[in-house]
Amino acid sequence: MRLEISNGVGTTGMAAKVDRWMVEQGMPKSRLTNQPSYDVVRTRVDYRAGQAESARRIAAALPPGVPSQLCEQAGLRGDVRVVIGRDWLAATATPRRVAALAGGLDATSDL
């Protein structure tokens, strides 16, 4: 599966932080991109036709409290794309969660 993590909030390095966290959850290394408007409110998991199961697996691996919307999309460069929204920032704002996303804690520790 080809995974893409896209920064939809404009926080510098956010896609890379999320990618590190996802790799710790057993997901493949991702292609990192930006959503130039940086106005994504709700995290979503986009997927190409035939990749719904992969998208559900990715959505299930997101941190607790990060809701995700699953959207089939044509024209993706990969199979599944996680577009980080402002809800991700709110759900992971505790110091331990921020440290885990930044790579400072084991992802299985109490977030």
PDB file of N, CA and C in Angstrom:
ATOM      1  N   MET A   1       0.844  -1.177   0.000  1.00  0.00           N
ATOM      2  CA  MET A   1       0.000   0.000   0.000  1.00  0.00           C
ATOM      3  C   MET A   1       0.887   1.238   0.000  1.00  0.00           C
ATOM      4  N   ARG A   2       0.542   2.188  -0.834  1.00  0.00           N
ATOM      5  CA  ARG A   2       1.253   3.470  -0.884  1.00  0.00           C
ATOM      6  C   ARG A   2       0.451   4.498  -0.097  1.00  0.00           C
ATOM      7  N   LEU A   3       1.071   5.003   0.982  1.00  0.00           N
ATOM      8  CA  LEU A   3       0.408   5.918   1.895  1.00  0.00           C
ATOM      9  C   LEU A   3       0.981   7.315   1.742  1.00  0.00           C
ATOM     10  N   GLU A   4       0.116   8.311   1.838  1.00  0.00           N
ATOM     11  CA  GLU A   4       0.510   9.720   1.799  1.00  0.00           C
ATOM     12  C   GLU A   4      -0.046  10.398   3.039  1.00  0.00           C
ATOM     13  N   ILE A   5       0.779  11.232   3.672  1.00  0.00           N
ATOM     14  CA  ILE A   5       0.336  12.055   4.797  1.00  0.00           C
ATOM     15  C   ILE A   5       0.410  13.496   4.318  1.00  0.00           C
ATOM     16  N   SER A   6      -0.701  14.211   4.402  1.00  0.00           N
ATOM     17  CA  SER A   6      -0.760  15.574   3.894  1.00  0.00           C
ATOM     18  C   SER A   6      -1.092  16.554   5.024  1.00  0.00           C
ATOM     19  N   ASN A   7      -0.258  17.560   5.168  1.00  0.00           N
ATOM     20  CA  ASN A   7      -0.420  18.593   6.188  1.00  0.00           C
ATOM     21  C   ASN A   7      -1.505  19.563   5.732  1.00  0.00           C
ATOM     22  N   GLY A   8      -2.643  19.506   6.384  1.00  0.00           N
ATOM     23  CA  GLY A   8      -3.749  20.388   6.030  1.00  0.00           C
ATOM     24  C   GLY A   8      -3.932  21.548   6.985  1.00  0.00           C
ATOM     25  N   VAL A   9      -2.969  21.716   7.936  1.00  0.00           N
ATOM     26  CA  VAL A   9      -3.119  22.758   8.949  1.00  0.00           C
ATOM     27  C   VAL A   9      -2.018  23.806   8.920  1.00  0.00           C
ATOM     28  N   GLY A  10      -0.936  23.552   8.205  1.00  0.00           N
ATOM     29  CA  GLY A  10       0.125  24.543   8.082  1.00  0.00           C
ATOM     30  C   GLY A  10       1.157  24.537   9.193  1.00  0.00           C
ATOM     31  N   THR A  11       1.022  23.672  10.172  1.00  0.00           N
ATOM     32  CA  THR A  11       2.027  23.567  11.227  1.00  0.00           C
ATOM     33  C   THR A  11       3.280  22.939  10.640  1.00  0.00           C
ATOM     34  N   THR A  12       4.393  23.650  10.708  1.00  0.00           N
ATOM     35  CA  THR A  12       5.639  23.175  10.113  1.00  0.00           C
ATOM     36  C   THR A  12       6.004  21.795  10.651  1.00  0.00           C
ATOM     37  N   GLY A  13       6.280  20.873   9.743  1.00  0.00           N
ATOM     38  CA  GLY A  13       6.725  19.536  10.110  1.00  0.00           C
ATOM     39  C   GLY A  13       5.629  18.588  10.557  1.00  0.00           C
ATOM     40  N   MET A  14       4.382  19.019  10.477  1.00  0.00           N
ATOM     41  CA  MET A  14       3.285  18.190  10.981  1.00  0.00           C
ATOM     42  C   MET A  14       3.167  16.872  10.234  1.00  0.00           C
ATOM     43  N   ALA A  15       3.271  16.874   8.931  1.00  0.00           N
ATOM     44  CA  ALA A  15       3.158  15.625   8.170  1.00  0.00           C
ATOM     45  C   ALA A  15       4.269  14.658   8.563  1.00  0.00           C
ATOM     46  N   ALA A  16       5.477  15.157   8.753  1.00  0.00           N
ATOM     47  CA  ALA A  16       6.600  14.303   9.154  1.00  0.00           C
ATOM     48  C   ALA A  16       6.377  13.717  10.546  1.00  0.00           C
ATOM     49  N   LYS A  17       5.850  14.515  11.464  1.00  0.00           N
ATOM     50  CA  LYS A  17       5.568  14.025  12.819  1.00  0.00           C
ATOM     51  C   LYS A  17       4.514  12.927  12.785  1.00  0.00           C
ATOM     52  N   VAL A  18       3.466  13.163  12.019  1.00  0.00           N
ATOM     53  CA  VAL A  18       2.400  12.170  11.918  1.00  0.00           C
ATOM     54  C   VAL A  18       2.935  10.916  11.242  1.00  0.00           C
ATOM     55  N   ASP A  19       3.769  11.070  10.232  1.00  0.00           N
ATOM     56  CA  ASP A  19       4.359   9.921   9.555  1.00  0.00           C
ATOM     57  C   ASP A  19       5.167   9.076  10.538  1.00  0.00           C
ATOM     58  N   ARG A  20       6.008   9.707  11.349  1.00  0.00           N
ATOM     59  CA  ARG A  20       6.793   8.962  12.346  1.00  0.00           C
ATOM     60  C   ARG A  20       5.867   8.187  13.280  1.00  0.00           C
ATOM     61  N   TRP A  21       4.809   8.857  13.726  1.00  0.00           N
ATOM     62  CA  TRP A  21       3.873   8.204  14.628  1.00  0.00           C
ATOM     63  C   TRP A  21       3.195   7.017  13.949  1.00  0.00           C
ATOM     64  N   MET A  22       2.784   7.199  12.691  1.00  0.00           N
ATOM     65  CA  MET A  22       2.119   6.119  11.960  1.00  0.00           C
ATOM     66  C   MET A  22       3.055   4.926  11.748  1.00  0.00           C
ATOM     67  N   VAL A  23       4.322   5.188  11.451  1.00  0.00           N
ATOM     68  CA  VAL A  23       5.298   4.105  11.286  1.00  0.00           C
ATOM     69  C   VAL A  23       5.412   3.316  12.590  1.00  0.00           C
ATOM     70  N   GLU A  24       5.403   4.013  13.725  1.00  0.00           N
ATOM     71  CA  GLU A  24       5.453   3.331  15.018  1.00  0.00           C
ATOM     72  C   GLU A  24       4.219   2.461  15.243  1.00  0.00           C
ATOM     73  N   GLN A  25       3.119   2.789  14.573  1.00  0.00           N
ATOM     74  CA  GLN A  25       1.893   1.998  14.678  1.00  0.00           C
ATOM     75  C   GLN A  25       1.892   0.836  13.685  1.00  0.00           C
ATOM     76  N   GLY A  26       2.972   0.680  12.925  1.00  0.00           N
ATOM     77  CA  GLY A  26       3.078  -0.425  11.979  1.00  0.00           C
ATOM     78  C   GLY A  26       2.650  -0.095  10.566  1.00  0.00           C
ATOM     79  N   MET A  27       2.398   1.181  10.282  1.00  0.00           N
ATOM     80  CA  MET A  27       2.014   1.589   8.944  1.00  0.00           C
ATOM     81  C   MET A  27       3.268   1.818   8.096  1.00  0.00           C
ATOM     82  N   PRO A  28       3.135   1.744   6.772  1.00  0.00           N
ATOM     83  CA  PRO A  28       4.300   1.962   5.922  1.00  0.00           C
ATOM     84  C   PRO A  28       4.759   3.426   5.939  1.00  0.00           C
ATOM     85  N   LYS A  29       6.023   3.637   5.640  1.00  0.00           N
ATOM     86  CA  LYS A  29       6.554   4.990   5.487  1.00  0.00           C
ATOM     87  C   LYS A  29       5.746   5.690   4.403  1.00  0.00           C
ATOM     88  N   SER A  30       5.491   6.982   4.605  1.00  0.00           N
ATOM     89  CA  SER A  30       4.577   7.724   3.739  1.00  0.00           C
ATOM     90  C   SER A  30       5.286   8.727   2.841  1.00  0.00           C
ATOM     91  N   ARG A  31       4.584   9.077   1.796  1.00  0.00           N
ATOM     92  CA  ARG A  31       4.946  10.242   0.988  1.00  0.00           C
ATOM     93  C   ARG A  31       4.353  11.443   1.716  1.00  0.00           C
ATOM     94  N   LEU A  32       5.124  12.502   1.898  1.00  0.00           N
ATOM     95  CA  LEU A  32       4.668  13.672   2.648  1.00  0.00           C
ATOM     96  C   LEU A  32       4.327  14.814   1.708  1.00  0.00           C
ATOM     97  N   THR A  33       3.167  15.437   1.944  1.00  0.00           N
ATOM     98  CA  THR A  33       2.723  16.552   1.105  1.00  0.00           C
ATOM     99  C   THR A  33       2.049  17.613   1.974  1.00  0.00           C
ATOM    100  N   ASN A  34       1.667  18.699   1.339  1.00  0.00           N
ATOM    101  CA  ASN A  34       0.921  19.779   1.982  1.00  0.00           C
ATOM    102  C   ASN A  34      -0.374  20.028   1.229  1.00  0.00           C
ATOM    103  N   GLN A  35      -1.395  20.462   1.961  1.00  0.00           N
ATOM    104  CA  GLN A  35      -2.634  20.964   1.371  1.00  0.00           C
ATOM    105  C   GLN A  35      -2.508  22.483   1.441  1.00  0.00           C
ATOM    106  N   PRO A  36      -2.134  23.147   0.348  1.00  0.00           N
ATOM    107  CA  PRO A  36      -1.728  24.554   0.373  1.00  0.00           C
ATOM    108  C   PRO A  36      -2.663  25.544   1.048  1.00  0.00           C
ATOM    109  N   SER A  37      -3.934  25.302   1.083  1.00  0.00           N
ATOM    110  CA  SER A  37      -4.810  26.282   1.737  1.00  0.00           C
ATOM    111  C   SER A  37      -4.691  26.218   3.258  1.00  0.00           C
ATOM    112  N   TYR A  38      -4.229  25.091   3.782  1.00  0.00           N
ATOM    113  CA  TYR A  38      -4.054  24.886   5.234  1.00  0.00           C
ATOM    114  C   TYR A  38      -5.302  25.232   6.028  1.00  0.00           C
ATOM    115  N   ASP A  39      -6.466  24.919   5.488  1.00  0.00           N
ATOM    116  CA  ASP A  39      -7.714  25.236   6.181  1.00  0.00           C
ATOM    117  C   ASP A  39      -8.564  23.994   6.447  1.00  0.00           C
ATOM    118  N   VAL A  40      -7.922  22.832   6.511  1.00  0.00           N
ATOM    119  CA  VAL A  40      -8.654  21.588   6.739  1.00  0.00           C
ATOM    120  C   VAL A  40      -9.082  21.522   8.201  1.00  0.00           C
ATOM    121  N   VAL A  41     -10.374  21.405   8.422  1.00  0.00           N
ATOM    122  CA  VAL A  41     -10.919  21.393   9.775  1.00  0.00           C
ATOM    123  C   VAL A  41     -10.934  19.976  10.336  1.00  0.00           C
ATOM    124  N   ARG A  42     -11.387  19.031   9.537  1.00  0.00           N
ATOM    125  CA  ARG A  42     -11.559  17.651  10.005  1.00  0.00           C
ATOM    126  C   ARG A  42     -10.615  16.710   9.259  1.00  0.00           C
ATOM    127  N   THR A  43      -9.875  15.930  10.006  1.00  0.00           N
ATOM    128  CA  THR A  43      -8.976  14.940   9.412  1.00  0.00           C
ATOM    129  C   THR A  43      -9.799  13.982   8.556  1.00  0.00           C
ATOM    130  N   ARG A  44      -9.237  13.640   7.404  1.00  0.00           N
ATOM    131  CA  ARG A  44      -9.937  12.686   6.550  1.00  0.00           C
ATOM    132  C   ARG A  44      -8.941  11.688   5.964  1.00  0.00           C
ATOM    133  N   VAL A  45      -9.465  10.553   5.598  1.00  0.00           N
ATOM    134  CA  VAL A  45      -8.671   9.513   4.961  1.00  0.00           C
ATOM    135  C   VAL A  45      -9.245   9.319   3.568  1.00  0.00           C
ATOM    136  N   ASP A  46      -8.502   9.773   2.572  1.00  0.00           N
ATOM    137  CA  ASP A  46      -8.901   9.623   1.172  1.00  0.00           C
ATOM    138  C   ASP A  46      -8.319   8.311   0.653  1.00  0.00           C
ATOM    139  N   TYR A  47      -9.012   7.676  -0.252  1.00  0.00           N
ATOM    140  CA  TYR A  47      -8.504   6.429  -0.828  1.00  0.00           C
ATOM    141  C   TYR A  47      -8.983   6.285  -2.258  1.00  0.00           C
ATOM    142  N   ARG A  48      -8.189   5.561  -3.028  1.00  0.00           N
ATOM    143  CA  ARG A  48      -8.588   5.309  -4.415  1.00  0.00           C
ATOM    144  C   ARG A  48      -9.476   4.077  -4.459  1.00  0.00           C
ATOM    145  N   ALA A  49     -10.192   3.917  -5.542  1.00  0.00           N
ATOM    146  CA  ALA A  49     -11.099   2.778  -5.713  1.00  0.00           C
ATOM    147  C   ALA A  49     -10.346   1.474  -5.440  1.00  0.00           C
ATOM    148  N   GLY A  50     -10.992   0.591  -4.697  1.00  0.00           N
ATOM    149  CA  GLY A  50     -10.397  -0.698  -4.363  1.00  0.00           C
ATOM    150  C   GLY A  50      -9.541  -0.683  -3.106  1.00  0.00           C
ATOM    151  N   GLN A  51      -9.407   0.470  -2.458  1.00  0.00           N
ATOM    152  CA  GLN A  51      -8.550   0.588  -1.272  1.00  0.00           C
ATOM    153  C   GLN A  51      -9.330   0.917  -0.001  1.00  0.00           C
ATOM    154  N   ALA A  52     -10.626   0.664   0.003  1.00  0.00           N
ATOM    155  CA  ALA A  52     -11.451   0.999   1.174  1.00  0.00           C
ATOM    156  C   ALA A  52     -10.978   0.272   2.425  1.00  0.00           C
ATOM    157  N   GLU A  53     -10.622  -1.002   2.308  1.00  0.00           N
ATOM    158  CA  GLU A  53     -10.170  -1.754   3.480  1.00  0.00           C
ATOM    159  C   GLU A  53      -8.867  -1.169   4.029  1.00  0.00           C
ATOM    160  N   SER A  54      -7.942  -0.813   3.155  1.00  0.00           N
ATOM    161  CA  SER A  54      -6.697  -0.173   3.597  1.00  0.00           C
ATOM    162  C   SER A  54      -6.993   1.148   4.290  1.00  0.00           C
ATOM    163  N   ALA A  55      -7.935   1.909   3.757  1.00  0.00           N
ATOM    164  CA  ALA A  55      -8.306   3.188   4.362  1.00  0.00           C
ATOM    165  C   ALA A  55      -8.901   2.985   5.750  1.00  0.00           C
ATOM    166  N   ARG A  56      -9.737   1.965   5.906  1.00  0.00           N
ATOM    167  CA  ARG A  56     -10.308   1.680   7.223  1.00  0.00           C
ATOM    168  C   ARG A  56      -9.213   1.289   8.218  1.00  0.00           C
ATOM    169  N   ARG A  57      -8.224   0.525   7.757  1.00  0.00           N
ATOM    170  CA  ARG A  57      -7.117   0.115   8.632  1.00  0.00           C
ATOM    171  C   ARG A  57      -6.309   1.330   9.068  1.00  0.00           C
ATOM    172  N   ILE A  58      -6.054   2.249   8.139  1.00  0.00           N
ATOM    173  CA  ILE A  58      -5.328   3.483   8.467  1.00  0.00           C
ATOM    174  C   ILE A  58      -6.143   4.321   9.445  1.00  0.00           C
ATOM    175  N   ALA A  59      -7.429   4.483   9.183  1.00  0.00           N
ATOM    176  CA  ALA A  59      -8.290   5.282  10.069  1.00  0.00           C
ATOM    177  C   ALA A  59      -8.309   4.698  11.479  1.00  0.00           C
ATOM    178  N   ALA A  60      -8.312   3.373  11.589  1.00  0.00           N
ATOM    179  CA  ALA A  60      -8.331   2.726  12.900  1.00  0.00           C
ATOM    180  C   ALA A  60      -7.021   2.947  13.658  1.00  0.00           C
ATOM    181  N   ALA A  61      -5.937   3.240  12.948  1.00  0.00           N
ATOM    182  CA  ALA A  61      -4.630   3.444  13.582  1.00  0.00           C
ATOM    183  C   ALA A  61      -4.424   4.881  14.068  1.00  0.00           C
ATOM    184  N   LEU A  62      -5.344   5.785  13.725  1.00  0.00           N
ATOM    185  CA  LEU A  62      -5.196   7.174  14.152  1.00  0.00           C
ATOM    186  C   LEU A  62      -5.327   7.274  15.666  1.00  0.00           C
ATOM    187  N   PRO A  63      -4.733   8.299  16.265  1.00  0.00           N
ATOM    188  CA  PRO A  63      -4.798   8.443  17.727  1.00  0.00           C
ATOM    189  C   PRO A  63      -6.232   8.536  18.227  1.00  0.00           C
ATOM    190  N   PRO A  64      -6.448   8.086  19.471  1.00  0.00           N
ATOM    191  CA  PRO A  64      -7.780   8.229  20.066  1.00  0.00           C
ATOM    192  C   PRO A  64      -8.206   9.700  20.046  1.00  0.00           C
ATOM    193  N   GLY A  65      -9.443   9.940  19.741  1.00  0.00           N
ATOM    194  CA  GLY A  65      -9.953  11.306  19.715  1.00  0.00           C
ATOM    195  C   GLY A  65      -9.806  12.005  18.383  1.00  0.00           C
ATOM    196  N   VAL A  66      -9.134  11.362  17.422  1.00  0.00           N
ATOM    197  CA  VAL A  66      -9.014  11.959  16.084  1.00  0.00           C
ATOM    198  C   VAL A  66     -10.040  11.279  15.191  1.00  0.00           C
ATOM    199  N   PRO A  67     -11.178  11.924  15.000  1.00  0.00           N
ATOM    200  CA  PRO A  67     -12.161  11.325  14.094  1.00  0.00           C
ATOM    201  C   PRO A  67     -11.650  11.456  12.662  1.00  0.00           C
ATOM    202  N   SER A  68     -12.054  10.560  11.831  1.00  0.00           N
ATOM    203  CA  SER A  68     -11.651  10.687  10.432  1.00  0.00           C
ATOM    204  C   SER A  68     -12.827  10.363   9.535  1.00  0.00           C
ATOM    205  N   GLN A  69     -12.864  11.066   8.459  1.00  0.00           N
ATOM    206  CA  GLN A  69     -13.890  10.884   7.442  1.00  0.00           C
ATOM    207  C   GLN A  69     -13.239  10.093   6.314  1.00  0.00           C
ATOM    208  N   LEU A  70     -13.857   9.016   5.865  1.00  0.00           N
ATOM    209  CA  LEU A  70     -13.342   8.225   4.752  1.00  0.00           C
ATOM    210  C   LEU A  70     -13.969   8.730   3.459  1.00  0.00           C
ATOM    211  N   CYS A  71     -13.126   9.007   2.459  1.00  0.00           N
ATOM    212  CA  CYS A  71     -13.600   9.574   1.193  1.00  0.00           C
ATOM    213  C   CYS A  71     -12.913   8.885   0.023  1.00  0.00           C
ATOM    214  N   GLU A  72     -13.688   8.245  -0.845  1.00  0.00           N
ATOM    215  CA  GLU A  72     -13.103   7.694  -2.065  1.00  0.00           C
ATOM    216  C   GLU A  72     -12.799   8.855  -2.998  1.00  0.00           C
ATOM    217  N   GLN A  73     -11.581   8.885  -3.528  1.00  0.00           N
ATOM    218  CA  GLN A  73     -11.139   9.976  -4.389  1.00  0.00           C
ATOM    219  C   GLN A  73     -10.454   9.417  -5.634  1.00  0.00           C
ATOM    220  N   ALA A  74     -10.774   9.958  -6.766  1.00  0.00           N
ATOM    221  CA  ALA A  74     -10.064   9.608  -7.998  1.00  0.00           C
ATOM    222  C   ALA A  74      -8.813  10.483  -8.096  1.00  0.00           C
ATOM    223  N   GLY A  75      -7.811   9.993  -8.770  1.00  0.00           N
ATOM    224  CA  GLY A  75      -6.636  10.801  -9.065  1.00  0.00           C
ATOM    225  C   GLY A  75      -5.591  10.887  -7.972  1.00  0.00           C
ATOM    226  N   LEU A  76      -5.678  10.063  -6.934  1.00  0.00           N
ATOM    227  CA  LEU A  76      -4.632  10.082  -5.908  1.00  0.00           C
ATOM    228  C   LEU A  76      -3.335   9.511  -6.470  1.00  0.00           C
ATOM    229  N   ARG A  77      -2.219  10.012  -5.988  1.00  0.00           N
ATOM    230  CA  ARG A  77      -0.923   9.480  -6.422  1.00  0.00           C
ATOM    231  C   ARG A  77      -0.611   8.161  -5.728  1.00  0.00           C
ATOM    232  N   GLY A  78      -1.142   7.988  -4.530  1.00  0.00           N
ATOM    233  CA  GLY A  78      -0.952   6.747  -3.789  1.00  0.00           C
ATOM    234  C   GLY A  78      -2.277   6.028  -3.635  1.00  0.00           C
ATOM    235  N   ASP A  79      -2.286   5.066  -2.724  1.00  0.00           N
ATOM    236  CA  ASP A  79      -3.507   4.302  -2.477  1.00  0.00           C
ATOM    237  C   ASP A  79      -4.393   4.962  -1.423  1.00  0.00           C
ATOM    238  N   VAL A  80      -3.750   5.491  -0.354  1.00  0.00           N
ATOM    239  CA  VAL A  80      -4.475   6.096   0.761  1.00  0.00           C
ATOM    240  C   VAL A  80      -3.749   7.378   1.161  1.00  0.00           C
ATOM    241  N   ARG A  81      -4.517   8.425   1.447  1.00  0.00           N
ATOM    242  CA  ARG A  81      -3.946   9.705   1.887  1.00  0.00           C
ATOM    243  C   ARG A  81      -4.651  10.150   3.160  1.00  0.00           C
ATOM    244  N   VAL A  82      -3.871  10.437   4.201  1.00  0.00           N
ATOM    245  CA  VAL A  82      -4.405  11.029   5.431  1.00  0.00           C
ATOM    246  C   VAL A  82      -4.177  12.526   5.325  1.00  0.00           C
ATOM    247  N   VAL A  83      -5.254  13.294   5.373  1.00  0.00           N
ATOM    248  CA  VAL A  83      -5.172  14.754   5.336  1.00  0.00           C
ATOM    249  C   VAL A  83      -5.398  15.241   6.764  1.00  0.00           C
ATOM    250  N   ILE A  84      -4.367  15.804   7.366  1.00  0.00           N
ATOM    251  CA  ILE A  84      -4.419  16.223   8.763  1.00  0.00           C
ATOM    252  C   ILE A  84      -5.239  17.500   8.885  1.00  0.00           C
ATOM    253  N   GLY A  85      -6.230  17.443   9.768  1.00  0.00           N
ATOM    254  CA  GLY A  85      -7.079  18.600  10.020  1.00  0.00           C
ATOM    255  C   GLY A  85      -6.834  19.193  11.400  1.00  0.00           C
ATOM    256  N   ARG A  86      -7.473  20.303  11.659  1.00  0.00           N
ATOM    257  CA  ARG A  86      -7.320  20.978  12.964  1.00  0.00           C
ATOM    258  C   ARG A  86      -7.799  20.107  14.125  1.00  0.00           C
ATOM    259  N   ASP A  87      -8.712  19.182  13.851  1.00  0.00           N
ATOM    260  CA  ASP A  87      -9.167  18.289  14.914  1.00  0.00           C
ATOM    261  C   ASP A  87      -8.026  17.413  15.432  1.00  0.00           C
ATOM    262  N   TRP A  88      -7.053  17.099  14.573  1.00  0.00           N
ATOM    263  CA  TRP A  88      -5.885  16.314  15.003  1.00  0.00           C
ATOM    264  C   TRP A  88      -5.112  17.100  16.059  1.00  0.00           C
ATOM    265  N   LEU A  89      -4.910  18.391  15.803  1.00  0.00           N
ATOM    266  CA  LEU A  89      -4.180  19.228  16.755  1.00  0.00           C
ATOM    267  C   LEU A  89      -4.899  19.277  18.092  1.00  0.00           C
ATOM    268  N   ALA A  90      -6.208  19.426  18.064  1.00  0.00           N
ATOM    269  CA  ALA A  90      -6.982  19.502  19.304  1.00  0.00           C
ATOM    270  C   ALA A  90      -6.945  18.176  20.061  1.00  0.00           C
ATOM    271  N   ALA A  91      -7.049  17.069  19.343  1.00  0.00           N
ATOM    272  CA  ALA A  91      -7.102  15.754  19.987  1.00  0.00           C
ATOM    273  C   ALA A  91      -5.755  15.329  20.553  1.00  0.00           C
ATOM    274  N   THR A  92      -4.683  15.869  20.037  1.00  0.00           N
ATOM    275  CA  THR A  92      -3.344  15.448  20.469  1.00  0.00           C
ATOM    276  C   THR A  92      -2.619  16.544  21.227  1.00  0.00           C
ATOM    277  N   ALA A  93      -3.347  17.472  21.813  1.00  0.00           N
ATOM    278  CA  ALA A  93      -2.733  18.650  22.422  1.00  0.00           C
ATOM    279  C   ALA A  93      -2.158  18.430  23.819  1.00  0.00           C
ATOM    280  N   THR A  94      -2.390  17.276  24.448  1.00  0.00           N
ATOM    281  CA  THR A  94      -1.807  17.061  25.758  1.00  0.00           C
ATOM    282  C   THR A  94      -0.297  16.923  25.617  1.00  0.00           C
ATOM    283  N   PRO A  95       0.472  17.271  26.627  1.00  0.00           N
ATOM    284  CA  PRO A  95       1.936  17.193  26.526  1.00  0.00           C
ATOM    285  C   PRO A  95       2.454  15.808  26.134  1.00  0.00           C
ATOM    286  N   ARG A  96       1.871  14.737  26.676  1.00  0.00           N
ATOM    287  CA  ARG A  96       2.350  13.391  26.338  1.00  0.00           C
ATOM    288  C   ARG A  96       2.035  13.053  24.886  1.00  0.00           C
ATOM    289  N   ARG A  97       0.880  13.473  24.392  1.00  0.00           N
ATOM    290  CA  ARG A  97       0.549  13.204  22.991  1.00  0.00           C
ATOM    291  C   ARG A  97       1.442  14.005  22.062  1.00  0.00           C
ATOM    292  N   VAL A  98       1.697  15.249  22.405  1.00  0.00           N
ATOM    293  CA  VAL A  98       2.576  16.073  21.579  1.00  0.00           C
ATOM    294  C   VAL A  98       3.963  15.437  21.542  1.00  0.00           C
ATOM    295  N   ALA A  99       4.459  14.975  22.680  1.00  0.00           N
ATOM    296  CA  ALA A  99       5.776  14.334  22.728  1.00  0.00           C
ATOM    297  C   ALA A  99       5.791  13.059  21.889  1.00  0.00           C
ATOM    298  N   ALA A 100       4.718  12.283  21.938  1.00  0.00           N
ATOM    299  CA  ALA A 100       4.656  11.063  21.139  1.00  0.00           C
ATOM    300  C   ALA A 100       4.678  11.378  19.654  1.00  0.00           C
ATOM    301  N   LEU A 101       3.922  12.378  19.243  1.00  0.00           N
ATOM    302  CA  LEU A 101       3.917  12.760  17.828  1.00  0.00           C
ATOM    303  C   LEU A 101       5.275  13.280  17.394  1.00  0.00           C
ATOM    304  N   ALA A 102       5.991  13.926  18.304  1.00  0.00           N
ATOM    305  CA  ALA A 102       7.311  14.463  17.981  1.00  0.00           C
ATOM    306  C   ALA A 102       8.394  13.400  18.087  1.00  0.00           C
ATOM    307  N   GLY A 103       8.010  12.189  18.476  1.00  0.00           N
ATOM    308  CA  GLY A 103       8.989  11.118  18.555  1.00  0.00           C
ATOM    309  C   GLY A 103       9.653  10.993  19.904  1.00  0.00           C
ATOM    310  N   GLY A 104       9.167  11.714  20.910  1.00  0.00           N
ATOM    311  CA  GLY A 104       9.806  11.700  22.219  1.00  0.00           C
ATOM    312  C   GLY A 104       9.333  10.586  23.137  1.00  0.00           C
ATOM    313  N   LEU A 105       8.255   9.903  22.797  1.00  0.00           N
ATOM    314  CA  LEU A 105       7.738   8.813  23.618  1.00  0.00           C
ATOM    315  C   LEU A 105       7.420   7.632  22.740  1.00  0.00           C
ATOM    316  N   ASP A 106       7.415   6.470  23.343  1.00  0.00           N
ATOM    317  CA  ASP A 106       6.946   5.285  22.660  1.00  0.00           C
ATOM    318  C   ASP A 106       5.462   5.489  22.353  1.00  0.00           C
ATOM    319  N   ALA A 107       5.052   5.163  21.139  1.00  0.00           N
ATOM    320  CA  ALA A 107       3.680   5.405  20.721  1.00  0.00           C
ATOM    321  C   ALA A 107       2.681   4.564  21.492  1.00  0.00           C
ATOM    322  N   THR A 108       3.144   3.492  22.147  1.00  0.00           N
ATOM    323  CA  THR A 108       2.226   2.651  22.899  1.00  0.00           C
ATOM    324  C   THR A 108       2.102   3.120  24.337  1.00  0.00           C
ATOM    325  N   SER A 109       2.865   4.131  24.723  1.00  0.00           N
ATOM    326  CA  SER A 109       2.753   4.642  26.100  1.00  0.00           C
ATOM    327  C   SER A 109       1.414   5.330  26.285  1.00  0.00           C
ATOM    328  N   ASP A 110       1.070   5.576  27.528  1.00  0.00           N
ATOM    329  CA  ASP A 110      -0.200   6.217  27.840  1.00  0.00           C
ATOM    330  C   ASP A 110      -0.199   7.636  27.290  1.00  0.00           C
ATOM    331  N   LEU A 111      -0.976   7.845  26.236  1.00  0.00           N
ATOM    332  CA  LEU A 111      -1.043   9.169  25.631  1.00  0.00           C
ATOM    333  C   LEU A 111      -2.134   9.937  26.317  1.00  0.00           C
TER     334      LEU A 111
END
